[in-house]
N, C-alpha and C. Protein backbone atom coordinates (compact mmCIF):
# COMPACT_ATOMS: atom_id res chain seq x y z
N UNK A 1 -22.00 41.18 19.77
CA UNK A 1 -21.90 40.28 20.92
C UNK A 1 -22.14 38.84 20.50
N UNK A 2 -23.13 38.65 19.59
CA UNK A 2 -23.45 37.32 19.09
C UNK A 2 -22.27 36.71 18.34
N UNK A 3 -21.58 37.56 17.51
CA UNK A 3 -20.42 37.10 16.76
C UNK A 3 -19.29 36.68 17.71
N UNK A 4 -19.10 37.49 18.78
CA UNK A 4 -18.05 37.18 19.75
C UNK A 4 -18.31 35.85 20.43
N UNK A 5 -19.58 35.61 20.78
CA UNK A 5 -19.94 34.34 21.42
C UNK A 5 -19.65 33.15 20.51
N UNK A 6 -19.98 33.30 19.22
CA UNK A 6 -19.73 32.22 18.25
C UNK A 6 -18.23 31.95 18.10
N UNK A 7 -17.44 33.04 18.09
CA UNK A 7 -15.99 32.89 17.96
C UNK A 7 -15.42 32.14 19.16
N UNK A 8 -15.86 32.52 20.37
CA UNK A 8 -15.39 31.87 21.60
C UNK A 8 -15.75 30.39 21.59
N UNK A 9 -16.99 30.08 21.16
CA UNK A 9 -17.43 28.68 21.12
C UNK A 9 -16.60 27.88 20.13
N UNK A 10 -16.26 28.49 19.00
CA UNK A 10 -15.45 27.81 17.98
C UNK A 10 -14.06 27.51 18.50
N UNK A 11 -13.46 28.48 19.20
CA UNK A 11 -12.13 28.31 19.78
C UNK A 11 -12.13 27.17 20.80
N UNK A 12 -13.16 27.13 21.65
CA UNK A 12 -13.27 26.07 22.66
C UNK A 12 -13.38 24.70 21.99
N UNK A 13 -14.20 24.63 20.93
CA UNK A 13 -14.37 23.36 20.21
C UNK A 13 -13.05 22.87 19.63
N UNK A 14 -12.25 23.79 19.07
CA UNK A 14 -10.96 23.43 18.50
C UNK A 14 -10.01 22.91 19.57
N UNK A 15 -9.99 23.61 20.73
CA UNK A 15 -9.11 23.21 21.82
C UNK A 15 -9.47 21.82 22.34
N UNK A 16 -10.77 21.52 22.46
CA UNK A 16 -11.22 20.21 22.93
C UNK A 16 -10.81 19.12 21.95
N UNK A 17 -10.97 19.39 20.65
CA UNK A 17 -10.60 18.42 19.62
C UNK A 17 -9.11 18.13 19.65
N UNK A 18 -8.30 19.18 19.81
CA UNK A 18 -6.84 19.01 19.86
C UNK A 18 -6.43 18.19 21.07
N UNK A 19 -7.11 18.44 22.21
CA UNK A 19 -6.80 17.71 23.44
C UNK A 19 -7.09 16.23 23.27
N UNK A 20 -8.23 15.90 22.60
CA UNK A 20 -8.58 14.50 22.36
C UNK A 20 -7.55 13.82 21.48
N UNK A 21 -7.11 14.52 20.43
CA UNK A 21 -6.10 13.96 19.53
C UNK A 21 -4.80 13.71 20.26
N UNK A 22 -4.43 14.65 21.15
CA UNK A 22 -3.19 14.50 21.92
C UNK A 22 -3.26 13.30 22.83
N UNK A 23 -4.44 13.08 23.49
CA UNK A 23 -4.61 11.95 24.38
C UNK A 23 -4.52 10.64 23.62
N UNK A 24 -5.12 10.60 22.42
CA UNK A 24 -5.07 9.39 21.62
C UNK A 24 -3.64 9.09 21.18
N UNK A 25 -2.87 10.14 20.84
CA UNK A 25 -1.50 9.95 20.38
C UNK A 25 -0.61 9.41 21.50
N UNK A 26 -0.97 9.71 22.77
CA UNK A 26 -0.16 9.28 23.89
C UNK A 26 -0.51 7.87 24.36
N UNK A 27 -1.53 7.26 23.73
CA UNK A 27 -1.97 5.94 24.15
C UNK A 27 -0.88 4.90 23.97
N UNK A 28 -0.16 4.96 22.88
CA UNK A 28 0.96 4.06 22.61
C UNK A 28 2.17 4.90 22.21
N UNK A 29 3.26 4.76 22.96
CA UNK A 29 4.47 5.50 22.62
C UNK A 29 5.62 4.53 22.41
N UNK A 30 6.57 4.92 21.63
CA UNK A 30 7.73 4.08 21.39
C UNK A 30 8.05 4.01 19.92
N UNK A 31 8.72 2.95 19.51
CA UNK A 31 9.12 2.84 18.12
C UNK A 31 9.35 1.39 17.74
N UNK A 32 9.23 1.11 16.47
CA UNK A 32 9.59 -0.18 15.91
C UNK A 32 10.72 0.08 14.95
N UNK A 33 11.89 -0.52 15.19
CA UNK A 33 13.06 -0.17 14.39
C UNK A 33 13.73 -1.38 13.80
N UNK A 34 14.60 -1.16 12.84
CA UNK A 34 15.32 -2.25 12.20
C UNK A 34 16.62 -2.54 12.95
N UNK A 35 16.48 -3.27 14.05
CA UNK A 35 17.64 -3.67 14.84
C UNK A 35 18.50 -2.49 15.26
N UNK A 36 19.81 -2.65 15.13
CA UNK A 36 20.74 -1.62 15.62
C UNK A 36 20.83 -0.43 14.67
N UNK A 37 20.16 -0.51 13.50
CA UNK A 37 20.25 0.60 12.55
C UNK A 37 19.37 1.78 12.93
N UNK A 38 18.39 1.53 13.84
CA UNK A 38 17.50 2.59 14.31
C UNK A 38 16.74 3.29 13.19
N UNK A 39 16.39 2.54 12.16
CA UNK A 39 15.56 3.09 11.10
C UNK A 39 14.11 2.74 11.39
N UNK A 40 13.27 3.76 11.55
CA UNK A 40 11.88 3.51 11.95
C UNK A 40 11.09 2.84 10.84
N UNK A 41 10.34 1.81 11.22
CA UNK A 41 9.46 1.11 10.28
C UNK A 41 8.04 1.65 10.42
N UNK A 42 7.22 1.37 9.42
CA UNK A 42 5.81 1.69 9.49
C UNK A 42 5.13 0.61 10.32
N UNK A 43 4.80 0.93 11.57
CA UNK A 43 4.27 -0.07 12.49
C UNK A 43 3.01 -0.74 11.96
N UNK A 44 2.08 0.05 11.42
CA UNK A 44 0.82 -0.50 10.95
C UNK A 44 1.03 -1.45 9.78
N UNK A 45 1.97 -1.12 8.91
CA UNK A 45 2.18 -1.92 7.71
C UNK A 45 2.95 -3.20 7.99
N UNK A 46 3.96 -3.12 8.87
CA UNK A 46 4.87 -4.25 9.02
C UNK A 46 4.63 -5.07 10.28
N UNK A 47 4.46 -4.42 11.42
CA UNK A 47 4.37 -5.19 12.65
C UNK A 47 2.96 -5.70 12.89
N UNK A 48 1.97 -5.10 12.22
CA UNK A 48 0.61 -5.53 12.43
C UNK A 48 0.01 -4.97 13.69
N UNK A 49 0.79 -4.21 14.47
CA UNK A 49 0.27 -3.60 15.69
C UNK A 49 -0.06 -4.63 16.75
N UNK A 50 -0.85 -4.26 17.74
CA UNK A 50 -1.21 -5.18 18.81
C UNK A 50 -2.20 -6.21 18.29
N UNK A 51 -2.12 -7.41 18.82
CA UNK A 51 -3.08 -8.44 18.48
C UNK A 51 -2.64 -9.42 17.43
N UNK A 52 -1.38 -9.34 16.99
CA UNK A 52 -0.89 -10.28 15.97
C UNK A 52 -0.48 -11.59 16.64
N UNK A 53 -0.90 -12.72 16.07
CA UNK A 53 -0.48 -14.02 16.58
C UNK A 53 -0.04 -14.87 15.40
N UNK A 54 1.11 -15.50 15.53
CA UNK A 54 1.64 -16.31 14.44
C UNK A 54 1.55 -17.78 14.76
N UNK A 55 1.03 -18.58 13.83
CA UNK A 55 1.02 -20.02 13.97
C UNK A 55 2.33 -20.59 13.48
N UNK A 56 2.34 -21.87 13.07
CA UNK A 56 3.59 -22.48 12.62
C UNK A 56 3.93 -22.07 11.20
N UNK A 57 2.93 -21.67 10.42
CA UNK A 57 3.18 -21.18 9.07
C UNK A 57 1.92 -20.47 8.62
N UNK A 58 2.01 -19.74 7.55
CA UNK A 58 0.82 -19.04 7.06
C UNK A 58 1.17 -17.74 6.40
N UNK A 59 0.30 -16.77 6.50
CA UNK A 59 0.50 -15.48 5.86
C UNK A 59 1.02 -14.47 6.88
N UNK A 60 2.13 -13.81 6.56
CA UNK A 60 2.71 -12.83 7.46
C UNK A 60 2.02 -11.49 7.33
N UNK A 61 2.41 -10.53 8.19
CA UNK A 61 1.81 -9.20 8.13
C UNK A 61 2.12 -8.53 6.80
N UNK A 62 3.21 -8.93 6.15
CA UNK A 62 3.57 -8.35 4.86
C UNK A 62 2.91 -9.09 3.69
N UNK A 63 2.19 -10.19 3.98
CA UNK A 63 1.43 -10.87 2.95
C UNK A 63 2.08 -12.10 2.36
N UNK A 64 3.34 -12.41 2.71
CA UNK A 64 4.03 -13.57 2.15
C UNK A 64 3.96 -14.74 3.12
N UNK A 65 4.23 -15.95 2.62
CA UNK A 65 4.29 -17.11 3.50
C UNK A 65 5.47 -16.97 4.45
N UNK A 66 5.30 -17.45 5.69
CA UNK A 66 6.41 -17.37 6.64
C UNK A 66 6.61 -18.70 7.33
N UNK A 67 7.80 -18.85 7.93
CA UNK A 67 8.17 -20.05 8.66
C UNK A 67 8.55 -19.66 10.08
N UNK A 68 8.01 -20.37 11.07
CA UNK A 68 8.39 -20.13 12.46
C UNK A 68 9.74 -20.78 12.72
N UNK A 69 10.68 -19.99 13.21
CA UNK A 69 12.05 -20.46 13.44
C UNK A 69 12.23 -20.99 14.85
N UNK A 70 11.64 -20.31 15.82
CA UNK A 70 11.79 -20.72 17.22
C UNK A 70 10.69 -20.08 18.06
N UNK A 71 10.18 -20.85 19.02
CA UNK A 71 9.24 -20.33 20.02
C UNK A 71 9.77 -20.70 21.40
N UNK A 72 9.89 -19.70 22.28
CA UNK A 72 10.39 -19.94 23.64
C UNK A 72 9.38 -19.41 24.64
N UNK A 73 9.37 -19.96 25.87
CA UNK A 73 8.47 -19.44 26.90
C UNK A 73 8.83 -18.01 27.28
N UNK A 74 7.83 -17.23 27.59
CA UNK A 74 8.04 -15.88 28.14
C UNK A 74 7.89 -16.00 29.64
N UNK A 75 9.03 -15.86 30.36
CA UNK A 75 9.06 -16.11 31.80
C UNK A 75 8.98 -14.81 32.59
N UNK A 76 8.00 -14.73 33.47
CA UNK A 76 7.84 -13.57 34.35
C UNK A 76 8.36 -13.93 35.74
N UNK A 77 9.13 -13.01 36.34
CA UNK A 77 9.67 -13.30 37.66
C UNK A 77 10.55 -14.54 37.68
N UNK A 78 11.18 -14.87 36.58
CA UNK A 78 12.12 -15.97 36.38
C UNK A 78 11.48 -17.34 36.20
N UNK A 79 10.28 -17.57 36.77
CA UNK A 79 9.75 -18.93 36.78
C UNK A 79 8.34 -19.09 36.19
N UNK A 80 7.56 -18.02 36.12
CA UNK A 80 6.17 -18.13 35.68
C UNK A 80 6.06 -17.93 34.17
N UNK A 81 5.62 -18.96 33.45
CA UNK A 81 5.44 -18.86 32.00
C UNK A 81 4.10 -18.18 31.72
N UNK A 82 4.16 -16.93 31.31
CA UNK A 82 2.92 -16.17 31.04
C UNK A 82 2.58 -16.16 29.56
N UNK A 83 3.48 -16.65 28.70
CA UNK A 83 3.23 -16.63 27.27
C UNK A 83 4.42 -17.15 26.50
N UNK A 84 4.58 -16.66 25.27
CA UNK A 84 5.66 -17.12 24.40
C UNK A 84 6.27 -15.96 23.63
N UNK A 85 7.48 -16.18 23.15
CA UNK A 85 8.12 -15.28 22.18
C UNK A 85 8.42 -16.13 20.95
N UNK A 86 7.92 -15.72 19.80
CA UNK A 86 8.08 -16.47 18.57
C UNK A 86 8.87 -15.66 17.56
N UNK A 87 9.85 -16.30 16.92
CA UNK A 87 10.62 -15.66 15.85
C UNK A 87 10.30 -16.40 14.55
N UNK A 88 9.95 -15.64 13.52
CA UNK A 88 9.61 -16.23 12.22
C UNK A 88 10.22 -15.38 11.12
N UNK A 89 10.26 -15.94 9.92
CA UNK A 89 10.69 -15.13 8.78
C UNK A 89 9.89 -15.50 7.52
N UNK A 90 9.78 -14.54 6.62
CA UNK A 90 9.30 -14.80 5.27
C UNK A 90 10.43 -14.39 4.33
N UNK A 91 10.13 -14.17 3.07
CA UNK A 91 11.19 -13.82 2.12
C UNK A 91 11.79 -12.45 2.38
N UNK A 92 11.02 -11.56 3.03
CA UNK A 92 11.46 -10.17 3.17
C UNK A 92 11.77 -9.76 4.60
N UNK A 93 11.08 -10.35 5.58
CA UNK A 93 11.18 -9.84 6.95
C UNK A 93 11.40 -10.95 7.97
N UNK A 94 11.98 -10.56 9.11
CA UNK A 94 12.05 -11.39 10.31
C UNK A 94 11.07 -10.79 11.32
N UNK A 95 10.26 -11.65 11.93
CA UNK A 95 9.24 -11.20 12.87
C UNK A 95 9.54 -11.72 14.26
N UNK A 96 9.38 -10.87 15.27
CA UNK A 96 9.49 -11.30 16.67
C UNK A 96 8.17 -10.96 17.33
N UNK A 97 7.46 -12.00 17.78
CA UNK A 97 6.10 -11.83 18.29
C UNK A 97 6.01 -12.23 19.76
N UNK A 98 5.54 -11.30 20.59
CA UNK A 98 5.23 -11.59 21.99
C UNK A 98 3.75 -12.00 22.06
N UNK A 99 3.47 -13.10 22.77
CA UNK A 99 2.08 -13.54 22.93
C UNK A 99 1.83 -13.98 24.37
N UNK A 100 0.89 -13.33 25.04
CA UNK A 100 0.50 -13.73 26.39
C UNK A 100 -0.56 -14.83 26.29
N UNK A 101 -0.35 -15.92 27.00
CA UNK A 101 -1.30 -17.04 26.97
C UNK A 101 -1.97 -17.27 28.32
N UNK A 102 -1.42 -16.70 29.38
CA UNK A 102 -1.99 -16.88 30.71
C UNK A 102 -3.09 -15.86 30.95
N UNK A 103 -4.30 -16.29 31.32
CA UNK A 103 -5.40 -15.35 31.52
C UNK A 103 -5.06 -14.24 32.52
N UNK A 104 -5.62 -13.09 32.30
CA UNK A 104 -5.50 -11.90 33.16
C UNK A 104 -4.23 -11.09 32.86
N UNK A 105 -3.13 -11.76 32.54
CA UNK A 105 -1.87 -11.05 32.34
C UNK A 105 -1.87 -10.24 31.05
N UNK A 106 -1.25 -9.06 31.09
CA UNK A 106 -1.14 -8.17 29.93
C UNK A 106 0.24 -7.53 29.89
N UNK A 107 0.61 -7.03 28.71
CA UNK A 107 1.91 -6.38 28.51
C UNK A 107 1.74 -4.87 28.61
N UNK A 108 2.60 -4.22 29.39
CA UNK A 108 2.57 -2.75 29.49
C UNK A 108 3.80 -2.11 28.83
N UNK A 109 4.91 -2.85 28.75
CA UNK A 109 6.12 -2.33 28.11
C UNK A 109 6.82 -3.45 27.35
N UNK A 110 7.43 -3.09 26.22
CA UNK A 110 8.21 -4.03 25.43
C UNK A 110 9.59 -3.45 25.17
N UNK A 111 10.61 -4.29 25.30
CA UNK A 111 11.99 -3.90 24.97
C UNK A 111 12.62 -5.07 24.22
N UNK A 112 13.10 -4.81 23.01
CA UNK A 112 13.60 -5.90 22.19
C UNK A 112 14.94 -5.54 21.55
N UNK A 113 15.88 -6.48 21.64
CA UNK A 113 17.15 -6.35 20.92
C UNK A 113 17.28 -7.54 19.99
N UNK A 114 17.74 -7.28 18.78
CA UNK A 114 17.96 -8.33 17.80
C UNK A 114 19.26 -8.01 17.06
N UNK A 115 20.24 -8.91 17.15
CA UNK A 115 21.53 -8.65 16.52
C UNK A 115 22.63 -9.46 17.17
N UNK A 116 23.86 -8.92 17.16
CA UNK A 116 25.03 -9.58 17.75
C UNK A 116 24.91 -9.57 19.27
N UNK A 117 25.07 -10.73 19.91
CA UNK A 117 24.91 -10.81 21.36
C UNK A 117 25.92 -9.96 22.11
N UNK A 118 27.10 -9.72 21.52
CA UNK A 118 28.12 -8.92 22.19
C UNK A 118 27.78 -7.44 22.23
N UNK A 119 26.74 -7.04 21.47
CA UNK A 119 26.36 -5.63 21.42
C UNK A 119 25.06 -5.34 22.17
N UNK A 120 24.53 -6.33 22.90
CA UNK A 120 23.33 -6.10 23.71
C UNK A 120 23.66 -5.06 24.78
N UNK A 121 22.90 -3.97 24.87
CA UNK A 121 23.20 -2.93 25.87
C UNK A 121 23.28 -3.49 27.29
N UNK A 122 24.38 -3.22 27.97
CA UNK A 122 24.60 -3.71 29.33
C UNK A 122 25.47 -2.73 30.09
N UNK A 123 25.41 -2.80 31.43
CA UNK A 123 26.26 -1.93 32.24
C UNK A 123 27.62 -2.58 32.48
N UNK A 124 28.44 -1.94 33.29
CA UNK A 124 29.80 -2.44 33.52
C UNK A 124 29.83 -3.80 34.23
N UNK A 125 28.73 -4.12 34.91
CA UNK A 125 28.65 -5.41 35.60
C UNK A 125 28.14 -6.52 34.70
N UNK A 126 27.81 -6.17 33.48
CA UNK A 126 27.31 -7.17 32.54
C UNK A 126 25.81 -7.37 32.57
N UNK A 127 25.09 -6.55 33.39
CA UNK A 127 23.64 -6.66 33.46
C UNK A 127 23.00 -5.97 32.26
N UNK A 128 22.06 -6.63 31.58
CA UNK A 128 21.40 -6.00 30.43
C UNK A 128 20.59 -4.78 30.85
N UNK A 129 20.48 -3.81 29.95
CA UNK A 129 19.72 -2.58 30.21
C UNK A 129 18.59 -2.51 29.19
N UNK A 130 17.43 -3.12 29.48
CA UNK A 130 16.33 -3.15 28.51
C UNK A 130 15.89 -1.77 28.03
N UNK A 131 15.97 -0.78 28.90
CA UNK A 131 15.55 0.57 28.51
C UNK A 131 16.40 1.16 27.40
N UNK A 132 17.58 0.56 27.15
CA UNK A 132 18.45 1.03 26.07
C UNK A 132 18.37 0.14 24.82
N UNK A 133 17.49 -0.88 24.86
CA UNK A 133 17.29 -1.69 23.66
C UNK A 133 16.69 -0.80 22.57
N UNK A 134 17.10 -0.97 21.32
CA UNK A 134 16.67 -0.05 20.26
C UNK A 134 15.21 -0.14 19.87
N UNK A 135 14.52 -1.22 20.25
CA UNK A 135 13.11 -1.39 19.89
C UNK A 135 12.28 -1.43 21.16
N UNK A 136 11.45 -0.42 21.36
CA UNK A 136 10.70 -0.36 22.61
C UNK A 136 9.35 0.32 22.41
N UNK A 137 8.37 -0.18 23.13
CA UNK A 137 7.01 0.34 23.07
C UNK A 137 6.48 0.40 24.50
N UNK A 138 5.78 1.49 24.85
CA UNK A 138 5.09 1.59 26.14
C UNK A 138 3.60 1.80 25.88
N UNK A 139 2.79 0.93 26.48
CA UNK A 139 1.34 1.04 26.34
C UNK A 139 0.81 1.73 27.59
N UNK A 140 0.52 3.01 27.49
CA UNK A 140 0.20 3.81 28.67
C UNK A 140 -1.20 3.58 29.20
N UNK A 141 -2.16 3.37 28.30
CA UNK A 141 -3.55 3.25 28.73
C UNK A 141 -4.11 1.84 28.56
N UNK A 142 -3.98 1.31 27.37
CA UNK A 142 -4.53 -0.01 27.08
C UNK A 142 -3.42 -1.02 26.92
N UNK A 143 -3.28 -1.91 27.88
CA UNK A 143 -2.26 -2.96 27.80
C UNK A 143 -2.68 -4.00 26.76
N UNK A 144 -1.72 -4.76 26.23
CA UNK A 144 -2.01 -5.69 25.15
C UNK A 144 -1.60 -7.11 25.53
N UNK A 145 -2.13 -8.07 24.80
CA UNK A 145 -1.78 -9.47 25.04
C UNK A 145 -0.82 -10.00 23.98
N UNK A 146 -0.59 -9.23 22.90
CA UNK A 146 0.38 -9.66 21.89
C UNK A 146 0.88 -8.45 21.10
N UNK A 147 2.07 -8.62 20.55
CA UNK A 147 2.65 -7.56 19.70
C UNK A 147 3.76 -8.17 18.87
N UNK A 148 3.89 -7.71 17.62
CA UNK A 148 4.90 -8.24 16.71
C UNK A 148 5.75 -7.13 16.12
N UNK A 149 7.08 -7.29 16.20
CA UNK A 149 8.02 -6.41 15.54
C UNK A 149 8.45 -7.05 14.22
N UNK A 150 8.77 -6.22 13.22
CA UNK A 150 9.25 -6.73 11.93
C UNK A 150 10.57 -6.06 11.57
N UNK A 151 11.50 -6.86 10.99
CA UNK A 151 12.82 -6.36 10.62
C UNK A 151 13.15 -6.84 9.21
N UNK A 152 13.58 -5.96 8.31
CA UNK A 152 14.01 -6.42 6.98
C UNK A 152 15.12 -7.45 7.10
N UNK A 153 15.01 -8.57 6.40
CA UNK A 153 16.00 -9.64 6.51
C UNK A 153 17.40 -9.17 6.14
N UNK A 154 17.49 -8.26 5.20
CA UNK A 154 18.81 -7.79 4.77
C UNK A 154 19.53 -7.03 5.88
N UNK A 155 18.79 -6.48 6.85
CA UNK A 155 19.40 -5.76 7.96
C UNK A 155 19.74 -6.69 9.13
N UNK A 156 19.13 -7.86 9.15
CA UNK A 156 19.29 -8.77 10.29
C UNK A 156 20.45 -9.73 10.11
N UNK A 157 20.62 -10.26 8.92
CA UNK A 157 21.65 -11.28 8.70
C UNK A 157 21.07 -12.67 8.86
N UNK A 158 21.91 -13.68 8.60
CA UNK A 158 21.42 -15.06 8.61
C UNK A 158 21.18 -15.58 10.01
N UNK A 159 22.11 -15.31 10.95
CA UNK A 159 21.97 -15.75 12.34
C UNK A 159 22.14 -14.56 13.27
N UNK A 160 21.41 -14.58 14.38
CA UNK A 160 21.41 -13.43 15.29
C UNK A 160 20.92 -13.86 16.66
N UNK A 161 21.11 -12.98 17.63
CA UNK A 161 20.62 -13.20 18.99
C UNK A 161 19.40 -12.33 19.24
N UNK A 162 18.50 -12.83 20.09
CA UNK A 162 17.28 -12.11 20.45
C UNK A 162 17.21 -11.97 21.97
N UNK A 163 17.13 -10.74 22.44
CA UNK A 163 16.88 -10.47 23.86
C UNK A 163 15.51 -9.82 23.94
N UNK A 164 14.51 -10.60 24.35
CA UNK A 164 13.12 -10.15 24.37
C UNK A 164 12.66 -9.92 25.80
N UNK A 165 12.51 -8.66 26.18
CA UNK A 165 12.13 -8.28 27.53
C UNK A 165 10.79 -7.57 27.50
N UNK A 166 10.04 -7.70 28.56
CA UNK A 166 8.80 -6.91 28.68
C UNK A 166 8.41 -6.79 30.14
N UNK A 167 7.47 -5.89 30.39
CA UNK A 167 6.87 -5.74 31.72
C UNK A 167 5.43 -6.20 31.61
N UNK A 168 5.04 -7.14 32.46
CA UNK A 168 3.69 -7.68 32.43
C UNK A 168 3.00 -7.46 33.77
N UNK A 169 1.70 -7.42 33.74
CA UNK A 169 0.93 -7.26 34.97
C UNK A 169 -0.27 -8.19 34.94
N UNK A 170 -0.60 -8.72 36.09
CA UNK A 170 -1.73 -9.63 36.24
C UNK A 170 -1.93 -9.84 37.72
N UNK A 171 -1.17 -10.78 38.28
CA UNK A 171 -1.14 -10.95 39.72
C UNK A 171 -0.03 -10.11 40.31
N UNK A 172 0.05 -8.83 39.91
CA UNK A 172 1.15 -7.95 40.26
C UNK A 172 1.93 -7.61 39.02
N UNK A 173 2.94 -6.76 39.16
CA UNK A 173 3.77 -6.37 38.02
C UNK A 173 5.09 -7.12 38.06
N UNK A 174 5.48 -7.69 36.92
CA UNK A 174 6.71 -8.48 36.86
C UNK A 174 7.48 -8.14 35.59
N UNK A 175 8.79 -8.30 35.65
CA UNK A 175 9.61 -8.22 34.45
C UNK A 175 9.68 -9.62 33.85
N UNK A 176 9.70 -9.70 32.51
CA UNK A 176 9.68 -11.00 31.85
C UNK A 176 10.69 -11.02 30.70
N UNK A 177 11.25 -12.21 30.45
CA UNK A 177 12.22 -12.41 29.37
C UNK A 177 11.85 -13.64 28.57
N UNK A 178 12.15 -13.62 27.27
CA UNK A 178 12.07 -14.82 26.47
C UNK A 178 13.16 -15.77 26.93
N UNK A 179 12.80 -17.02 27.25
CA UNK A 179 13.75 -17.96 27.85
C UNK A 179 14.91 -18.28 26.92
N UNK A 180 16.11 -18.31 27.52
CA UNK A 180 17.30 -18.62 26.75
C UNK A 180 18.49 -18.74 27.67
N UNK A 181 19.64 -18.29 27.22
CA UNK A 181 20.87 -18.32 28.02
C UNK A 181 20.93 -17.09 28.92
N UNK A 182 21.46 -17.29 30.15
CA UNK A 182 21.67 -16.16 31.04
C UNK A 182 22.85 -15.33 30.54
N UNK A 183 22.81 -14.02 30.83
CA UNK A 183 23.92 -13.16 30.44
C UNK A 183 25.15 -13.51 31.27
N UNK A 184 26.28 -13.76 30.64
CA UNK A 184 27.49 -14.14 31.38
C UNK A 184 27.96 -13.01 32.30
N UNK A 185 28.35 -13.39 33.50
CA UNK A 185 28.91 -12.46 34.50
C UNK A 185 27.88 -11.50 35.09
N UNK A 186 26.63 -11.55 34.67
CA UNK A 186 25.61 -10.64 35.20
C UNK A 186 25.16 -11.10 36.58
N UNK A 187 24.83 -10.14 37.46
CA UNK A 187 24.31 -10.49 38.78
C UNK A 187 22.81 -10.23 38.89
N UNK A 188 22.18 -9.89 37.77
CA UNK A 188 20.73 -9.76 37.70
C UNK A 188 20.24 -10.64 36.55
N UNK A 189 19.04 -11.19 36.71
CA UNK A 189 18.59 -12.15 35.71
C UNK A 189 18.16 -11.47 34.41
N UNK A 190 18.39 -12.16 33.34
CA UNK A 190 18.03 -11.70 32.01
C UNK A 190 18.48 -12.79 31.05
N UNK A 191 17.84 -12.89 29.89
CA UNK A 191 18.12 -14.00 28.98
C UNK A 191 18.14 -13.55 27.52
N UNK A 192 18.83 -14.34 26.70
CA UNK A 192 18.79 -14.14 25.25
C UNK A 192 18.90 -15.51 24.59
N UNK A 193 18.46 -15.60 23.35
CA UNK A 193 18.56 -16.86 22.62
C UNK A 193 18.99 -16.59 21.18
N UNK A 194 19.50 -17.62 20.52
CA UNK A 194 20.05 -17.48 19.17
C UNK A 194 19.12 -18.11 18.13
N UNK A 195 19.07 -17.49 16.96
CA UNK A 195 18.18 -17.93 15.88
C UNK A 195 18.90 -17.79 14.54
N UNK A 196 18.61 -18.69 13.61
CA UNK A 196 19.07 -18.57 12.24
C UNK A 196 17.86 -18.60 11.30
N UNK A 197 17.86 -17.77 10.28
CA UNK A 197 16.75 -17.70 9.35
C UNK A 197 16.74 -18.91 8.42
N UNK A 198 15.58 -19.12 7.78
CA UNK A 198 15.38 -20.26 6.88
C UNK A 198 14.80 -19.76 5.57
N UNK A 199 15.30 -20.25 4.42
CA UNK A 199 14.70 -19.86 3.15
C UNK A 199 13.23 -20.28 3.08
N UNK A 200 12.42 -19.45 2.46
CA UNK A 200 10.98 -19.72 2.36
C UNK A 200 10.66 -20.14 0.92
N UNK A 201 10.07 -21.32 0.76
CA UNK A 201 9.70 -21.83 -0.56
C UNK A 201 8.35 -21.32 -1.00
N UNK A 202 7.88 -21.75 -2.15
CA UNK A 202 6.56 -21.33 -2.64
C UNK A 202 5.44 -21.88 -1.76
N UNK A 203 4.27 -21.25 -1.76
CA UNK A 203 3.14 -21.73 -0.95
C UNK A 203 2.76 -23.16 -1.31
N UNK A 204 2.41 -23.95 -0.30
CA UNK A 204 1.97 -25.32 -0.56
C UNK A 204 0.56 -25.30 -1.13
N UNK A 205 0.27 -26.25 -1.99
CA UNK A 205 -1.08 -26.30 -2.51
C UNK A 205 -1.06 -26.79 -3.91
């Protein structure tokens, strides 16, 4: 009887541990991919995960010097600037960083397209479909104030378009886009902007 009790207790302990691991795994779902190629990157190694913020220059998540190419406002509900979207590159990677700067507001979902503007997922009316963007993350439990995606430069090309969408919450829930050009012929709001990479020289000093 004593052995049976020990076995039952061991089984319960294993089940509880598995449940905790499952809950932790569901905390952040989604993927970080290399543009339209859908090749999964190592999020921890390349994107730096949540909390990455890029200045005008410095050390990238991959360890090399980087240059900021463009920073645009992140507009929620079309008019409220809740943060920024920054695109940078180093010798190996292109980085797209979402950063919330307005207090209280947080990111719950990210949808990012990087590539040819004519291939941005859209419906027959020309409205963009963020849920079909190849790079997407959903933060189910803990919302974040910043996040950075990384793309190998060889997969991106010299010039490209960026459609940076997210869902933010603070004074309510709003959809947000990195400010740029409106999608032509669309009857719903959405934006994209164009960027060209820059060669990175040796560190100053």
